[in-house]
Amino acid sequence: MPLPETEFDVSPPESQVKAKIGPHDLVIKALGASFSITASEDPAYLDEVLAQYQVAVANTQGISGMKDPLKVAILTGFLLCDEINKIKLQIEQEQAKTRQQQIIEVQELNRIMENIIARIDQTFHG
């Protein structure tokens, strides 16, 4: 079975809506399970992460057609890890380009500086 796309553009089903218990507590209802977590993160951040996860689960269900909660959770985790690795690779590539560009710029500045020094030297000794 080919791996599904990792675009997350499906809205979560109403059955997977979160509920807050307290300022840093969150009830997670997904794939037929319900449990609470407590975190020191900002509640708005927790809400955002939960919403992203719910979209990822709904997307996995939609593109895979899987109904088994464990399989959906595993595939969703796998796809999220894939997305993280792709983002890391993209960042590393951008950083490498930036470093290469900095090297080129330093080399150009050195060339310009050597030309200026040569002109100054020629003016004084020439």
Foldseek 3Di string as FASTA:
>chain_A
DDQDDLDQDDFADPQQDKDADDQQKIWGGDLNDIDIDGDPDGPVVVNVVSRSLRSLLVVLCVVVVDNRSVVSVVSSVVSVVVVVVVVVVVVVVVVVVVVVVVVVVVVVVVVVVVVVVVVVVVVVVD
